[in-house]
Protein backbone atom coordinates (compact mmCIF):
# COMPACT_ATOMS: atom_id res chain seq x y z
CA GLN A 1 -4.07 19.94 2.94
CA VAL A 2 -3.85 16.45 2.10
CA GLN A 3 -4.31 13.28 3.97
CA LEU A 4 -4.27 9.71 3.47
CA VAL A 5 -5.40 7.43 5.41
CA GLU A 6 -5.23 3.43 5.20
CA SER A 7 -7.32 0.81 6.84
CA GLY A 8 -7.61 -3.50 6.61
CA GLY A 9 -4.96 -4.36 7.99
CA GLY A 10 -4.97 -7.24 10.34
CA SER A 11 -3.95 -10.54 11.48
CA VAL A 12 -4.45 -13.99 8.85
CA GLN A 13 -2.77 -16.70 8.84
CA ALA A 14 -0.43 -17.78 6.22
CA GLY A 15 -2.20 -18.00 2.39
CA GLY A 16 -4.38 -15.93 3.37
CA SER A 17 -5.21 -12.56 1.87
CA LEU A 18 -6.56 -9.18 2.78
CA ARG A 19 -7.50 -5.67 1.34
CA LEU A 20 -5.43 -2.56 2.04
CA SER A 21 -8.20 0.54 1.37
CA CYS A 22 -6.23 4.35 0.91
CA VAL A 23 -8.22 7.33 0.95
CA PHE A 24 -7.00 10.38 0.15
CA SER A 25 -8.26 13.63 -0.72
CA GLY A 26 -6.18 17.56 -1.33
CA GLY A 27 -6.30 17.13 -4.82
CA PRO A 28 -5.16 14.12 -7.56
CA MET A 29 -1.32 13.03 -7.00
CA ASP A 30 1.30 12.67 -9.69
CA VAL A 31 1.81 8.46 -8.27
CA MET A 32 0.43 6.93 -5.60
CA GLY A 33 2.41 3.90 -4.19
CA TRP A 34 2.34 1.05 -0.42
CA TYR A 35 5.71 1.10 1.33
CA ARG A 36 5.98 -1.46 4.06
CA GLN A 37 8.66 -1.07 7.46
CA ALA A 38 9.11 -3.97 9.41
CA PRO A 39 10.22 -4.84 12.50
CA GLY A 40 14.05 -3.52 12.79
CA LYS A 41 14.09 -3.18 8.90
CA GLN A 42 13.75 0.14 6.85
CA ARG A 43 11.62 1.15 4.92
CA GLU A 44 11.05 -0.07 0.88
CA PHE A 45 8.96 -0.35 -1.90
CA VAL A 46 6.05 -2.42 -2.21
CA ALA A 47 3.34 -1.16 -5.31
CA GLN A 48 2.75 2.47 -6.89
CA MET A 49 0.01 3.34 -10.03
CA ASP A 50 0.90 6.65 -12.03
CA ARG A 51 -1.71 9.08 -13.01
CA SER A 52 -2.62 6.71 -16.09
CA GLY A 53 -2.52 3.91 -14.64
CA THR A 54 0.70 2.47 -15.08
CA PRO A 55 1.39 -0.28 -11.96
CA THR A 56 4.61 -0.83 -10.08
CA TYR A 57 5.63 -3.42 -7.65
CA ALA A 58 9.09 -4.37 -5.89
CA GLY A 59 10.11 -7.52 -7.71
CA SER A 60 10.22 -9.94 -4.69
CA LEU A 61 6.30 -10.27 -4.69
CA ASN A 62 5.48 -12.11 -7.67
CA GLY A 63 2.80 -11.42 -8.76
CA ARG A 64 1.11 -12.21 -5.09
CA PHE A 65 -0.07 -8.49 -4.27
CA THR A 66 -2.04 -6.01 -6.85
CA ILE A 67 -2.64 -2.22 -6.80
CA SER A 68 -6.11 -0.58 -7.85
CA LYS A 69 -7.18 2.37 -7.35
CA GLU A 70 -10.74 4.58 -7.73
CA ASN A 71 -10.28 7.77 -9.04
CA ALA A 72 -13.79 8.95 -8.83
CA ARG A 73 -13.80 8.50 -4.94
CA ASN A 74 -10.55 8.71 -4.17
CA ILE A 75 -9.53 5.24 -2.74
CA MET A 76 -6.31 3.60 -3.73
CA TYR A 77 -6.26 -0.94 -2.49
CA LEU A 78 -3.30 -3.15 -2.10
CA GLN A 79 -5.02 -6.18 -3.11
CA MET A 80 -2.60 -8.83 -1.16
CA ASN A 81 -3.38 -12.73 -1.31
CA SER A 82 -1.13 -15.90 -1.11
CA LEU A 83 0.32 -13.44 2.29
CA LYS A 84 3.75 -14.73 3.38
CA PRO A 85 4.82 -13.93 7.71
CA GLU A 86 7.46 -12.17 6.15
CA ASP A 87 4.88 -10.08 4.22
CA THR A 88 3.74 -9.14 8.16
CA ALA A 89 5.08 -5.20 8.45
CA VAL A 90 3.23 -2.37 9.03
CA TYR A 91 2.27 -0.57 5.25
CA TYR A 92 1.90 2.79 4.12
CA CYS A 93 0.26 4.68 1.74
CA ASN A 94 2.28 7.65 0.33
CA GLY A 95 1.26 9.92 -2.62
CA GLU A 96 3.80 12.36 -4.75
CA ARG A 97 2.76 15.41 -6.41
CA TYR A 98 6.45 16.52 -7.32
CA PRO A 99 8.11 17.85 -5.05
CA ASN A 100 6.40 16.71 -2.38
CA GLN A 101 5.28 13.15 -1.08
CA TYR A 102 2.48 12.44 1.06
CA TRP A 103 2.10 9.75 3.63
CA GLY A 104 -0.62 7.90 6.10
CA GLN A 105 -0.06 6.81 8.78
CA GLY A 106 0.11 3.09 9.06
CA THR A 107 -1.59 0.46 9.17
CA GLN A 108 -0.37 -3.05 10.69
CA VAL A 109 -0.11 -6.51 8.78
CA THR A 110 0.89 -9.77 11.18
CA VAL A 111 0.47 -13.40 8.76
CA SER A 112 1.63 -15.64 11.12
CA SER A 113 2.34 -18.90 10.54
């Protein structure tokens, strides 16, 4: 059974940093990624990494976020630097194993100005 569990969210002032973690179980994924959903908005793509370790980022991040994985421990990270109030959202871990997608429960990130 696939399970994804996020942690590491919290409240931080603008300019600060947070690192999110996603522990996943149930076998390897083709792609692992992060999405976020702000209040009143649709869920949007943040970053992903394929099985070869190639990352892809949303263009709006301007290099502030870094995705990484520890395959031996089945953990994925999202290092978020220079956080802005507009980064406030619930962040979700996502795993894709064709043709299925799996989601974590989400972790809240709140950035105050």
